[in-house]
C-alpha atoms as a PDB file:
ATOM      1  CA  UNK A   1     176.669 126.234 109.317  1.00  0.00           C
ATOM      2  CA  UNK A   2     175.344 123.064 107.742  1.00  0.00           C
ATOM      3  CA  UNK A   3     172.991 123.379 104.697  1.00  0.00           C
ATOM      4  CA  UNK A   4     170.474 120.586 104.444  1.00  0.00           C
ATOM      5  CA  UNK A   5     168.116 119.861 101.580  1.00  0.00           C
ATOM      6  CA  UNK A   6     164.265 119.758 101.548  1.00  0.00           C
ATOM      7  CA  UNK A   7     162.122 118.243  98.812  1.00  0.00           C
ATOM      8  CA  UNK A   8     158.843 120.212  98.660  1.00  0.00           C
ATOM      9  CA  UNK A   9     156.044 120.788  96.191  1.00  0.00           C
ATOM     10  CA  UNK A  10     153.677 123.682  95.472  1.00  0.00           C
ATOM     11  CA  UNK A  11     149.968 123.716  94.914  1.00  0.00           C
ATOM     12  CA  UNK A  12     150.465 122.729  91.364  1.00  0.00           C
ATOM     13  CA  UNK A  13     152.583 119.745  92.490  1.00  0.00           C
ATOM     14  CA  UNK A  14     155.884 121.052  90.905  1.00  0.00           C
ATOM     15  CA  UNK A  15     158.669 119.493  92.827  1.00  0.00           C
ATOM     16  CA  UNK A  16     161.551 121.808  94.176  1.00  0.00           C
ATOM     17  CA  UNK A  17     164.742 121.032  96.298  1.00  0.00           C
ATOM     18  CA  UNK A  18     165.503 123.920  98.740  1.00  0.00           C
ATOM     19  CA  UNK A  19     168.068 124.781 101.159  1.00  0.00           C
ATOM     20  CA  UNK A  20     167.349 124.384 104.930  1.00  0.00           C
ATOM     21  CA  UNK A  21     169.311 126.158 107.664  1.00  0.00           C
ATOM     22  CA  UNK A  22     169.155 126.096 111.435  1.00  0.00           C
ATOM     23  CA  UNK A  23     168.171 129.451 112.935  1.00  0.00           C
ATOM     24  CA  UNK A  24     167.015 130.073 116.520  1.00  0.00           C
ATOM     25  CA  UNK A  25     167.079 126.249 117.263  1.00  0.00           C
ATOM     26  CA  UNK A  26     164.643 125.404 114.467  1.00  0.00           C
ATOM     27  CA  UNK A  27     164.894 124.496 110.828  1.00  0.00           C
ATOM     28  CA  UNK A  28     163.997 126.909 108.128  1.00  0.00           C
ATOM     29  CA  UNK A  29     163.537 126.725 104.488  1.00  0.00           C
ATOM     30  CA  UNK A  30     165.464 129.267 102.315  1.00  0.00           C
ATOM     31  CA  UNK A  31     163.656 129.592  99.062  1.00  0.00           C
ATOM     32  CA  UNK A  32     165.951 132.417  97.758  1.00  0.00           C
ATOM     33  CA  UNK A  33     169.463 133.659  98.524  1.00  0.00           C
ATOM     34  CA  UNK A  34     170.568 137.155  97.904  1.00  0.00           C
ATOM     35  CA  UNK A  35     174.097 138.710  97.827  1.00  0.00           C
ATOM     36  CA  UNK A  36     175.170 139.612 101.330  1.00  0.00           C
ATOM     37  CA  UNK A  37     176.343 143.062 102.576  1.00  0.00           C
ATOM     38  CA  UNK A  38     180.001 142.083 101.847  1.00  0.00           C
ATOM     39  CA  UNK A  39     181.646 140.486  98.811  1.00  0.00           C
ATOM     40  CA  UNK A  40     181.434 136.742  99.004  1.00  0.00           C
ATOM     41  CA  UNK A  41     178.507 136.413 101.388  1.00  0.00           C
ATOM     42  CA  UNK A  42     174.928 135.399 100.991  1.00  0.00           C
ATOM     43  CA  UNK A  43     171.766 136.079 102.959  1.00  0.00           C
ATOM     44  CA  UNK A  44     168.243 134.641 102.827  1.00  0.00           C
ATOM     45  CA  UNK A  45     165.611 136.769 101.174  1.00  0.00           C
ATOM     46  CA  UNK A  46     163.152 135.098 103.544  1.00  0.00           C
ATOM     47  CA  UNK A  47     163.036 131.928 105.640  1.00  0.00           C
ATOM     48  CA  UNK A  48     159.997 129.644 106.176  1.00  0.00           C
ATOM     49  CA  UNK A  49     159.885 127.711 109.438  1.00  0.00           C
ATOM     50  CA  UNK A  50     159.567 124.057 109.180  1.00  0.00           C
ATOM     51  CA  UNK A  51     158.370 123.486 112.719  1.00  0.00           C
ATOM     52  CA  UNK A  52     154.835 122.043 112.803  1.00  0.00           C
ATOM     53  CA  UNK A  53     154.983 120.973 109.101  1.00  0.00           C
ATOM     54  CA  UNK A  54     154.854 117.180 108.567  1.00  0.00           C
ATOM     55  CA  UNK A  55     157.873 115.723 106.891  1.00  0.00           C
ATOM     56  CA  UNK A  56     158.931 112.285 105.603  1.00  0.00           C
ATOM     57  CA  UNK A  57     161.862 110.707 103.974  1.00  0.00           C
ATOM     58  CA  UNK A  58     162.241 111.620 100.375  1.00  0.00           C
ATOM     59  CA  UNK A  59     161.837 108.865  97.799  1.00  0.00           C
ATOM     60  CA  UNK A  60     164.543 108.194  95.240  1.00  0.00           C
ATOM     61  CA  UNK A  61     165.937 109.605  92.994  1.00  0.00           C
ATOM     62  CA  UNK A  62     165.531 112.949  94.994  1.00  0.00           C
ATOM     63  CA  UNK A  63     168.725 113.846  97.039  1.00  0.00           C
ATOM     64  CA  UNK A  64     167.325 115.615  99.955  1.00  0.00           C
ATOM     65  CA  UNK A  65     167.362 115.215 103.771  1.00  0.00           C
ATOM     66  CA  UNK A  66     163.548 115.572 104.174  1.00  0.00           C
ATOM     67  CA  UNK A  67     160.428 115.947 102.177  1.00  0.00           C
ATOM     68  CA  UNK A  68     157.339 117.939 103.057  1.00  0.00           C
ATOM     69  CA  UNK A  69     154.173 115.891 103.097  1.00  0.00           C
ATOM     70  CA  UNK A  70     151.892 118.812 102.123  1.00  0.00           C
ATOM     71  CA  UNK A  71     152.453 121.413  99.386  1.00  0.00           C
ATOM     72  CA  UNK A  72     153.627 125.048 100.192  1.00  0.00           C
ATOM     73  CA  UNK A  73     151.562 127.901  98.909  1.00  0.00           C
ATOM     74  CA  UNK A  74     153.327 129.827  96.142  1.00  0.00           C
ATOM     75  CA  UNK A  75     152.542 133.124  97.644  1.00  0.00           C
ATOM     76  CA  UNK A  76     154.374 132.192 100.879  1.00  0.00           C
ATOM     77  CA  UNK A  77     157.247 130.440  99.016  1.00  0.00           C
ATOM     78  CA  UNK A  78     157.736 133.459  96.699  1.00  0.00           C
ATOM     79  CA  UNK A  79     157.269 136.127  99.405  1.00  0.00           C
ATOM     80  CA  UNK A  80     154.006 137.540  98.192  1.00  0.00           C
ATOM     81  CA  UNK A  81     152.275 136.778 101.361  1.00  0.00           C
ATOM     82  CA  UNK A  82     153.663 136.613 105.079  1.00  0.00           C
ATOM     83  CA  UNK A  83     152.258 133.813 107.189  1.00  0.00           C
ATOM     84  CA  UNK A  84     151.986 132.662 110.783  1.00  0.00           C
ATOM     85  CA  UNK A  85     151.723 129.050 109.854  1.00  0.00           C
ATOM     86  CA  UNK A  86     154.167 128.401 108.543  1.00  0.00           C
ATOM     87  CA  UNK A  87     156.105 131.377 110.095  1.00  0.00           C
ATOM     88  CA  UNK A  88     157.999 133.583 107.593  1.00  0.00           C
ATOM     89  CA  UNK A  89     160.827 135.953 108.518  1.00  0.00           C
ATOM     90  CA  UNK A  90     161.785 138.295 105.755  1.00  0.00           C
ATOM     91  CA  UNK A  91     165.505 139.195 105.577  1.00  0.00           C
ATOM     92  CA  UNK A  92     166.694 137.463 108.815  1.00  0.00           C
ATOM     93  CA  UNK A  93     169.996 138.421 110.261  1.00  0.00           C
ATOM     94  CA  UNK A  94     171.802 135.367 108.603  1.00  0.00           C
ATOM     95  CA  UNK A  95     174.899 135.656 106.462  1.00  0.00           C
ATOM     96  CA  UNK A  96     177.016 132.932 105.051  1.00  0.00           C
ATOM     97  CA  UNK A  97     180.470 133.065 103.479  1.00  0.00           C
ATOM     98  CA  UNK A  98     180.280 131.539 100.044  1.00  0.00           C
ATOM     99  CA  UNK A  99     183.875 130.014 100.193  1.00  0.00           C
ATOM    100  CA  UNK A 100     183.763 128.484 103.707  1.00  0.00           C
ATOM    101  CA  UNK A 101     180.179 128.172 104.859  1.00  0.00           C
ATOM    102  CA  UNK A 102     178.049 127.672 101.885  1.00  0.00           C
ATOM    103  CA  UNK A 103     178.464 124.501  99.794  1.00  0.00           C
ATOM    104  CA  UNK A 104     176.037 123.331  97.149  1.00  0.00           C
ATOM    105  CA  UNK A 105     175.636 119.967  95.663  1.00  0.00           C
END
């Protein structure tokens, strides 16, 4: 699985770089990774769908594949509120092997 990077901001304009995965033929932001069910695996705590959210090319010096044009609500980002727009799926059935699938930086 290819992990892409997304530059986004919250309501207070704080910038973040997050991981993006492809799931069910759409791109999803993974704001938090948890240890998976077996040693050496990771799974998303939740995923946030990027479909319908306007993106643009990130400006230097940010190293990301895309940038969101509008801020994300902190409550959605931190899993305190589920949402239909953007769609949020808690604990999707996604597992990555750290040594072969998941590469940071």
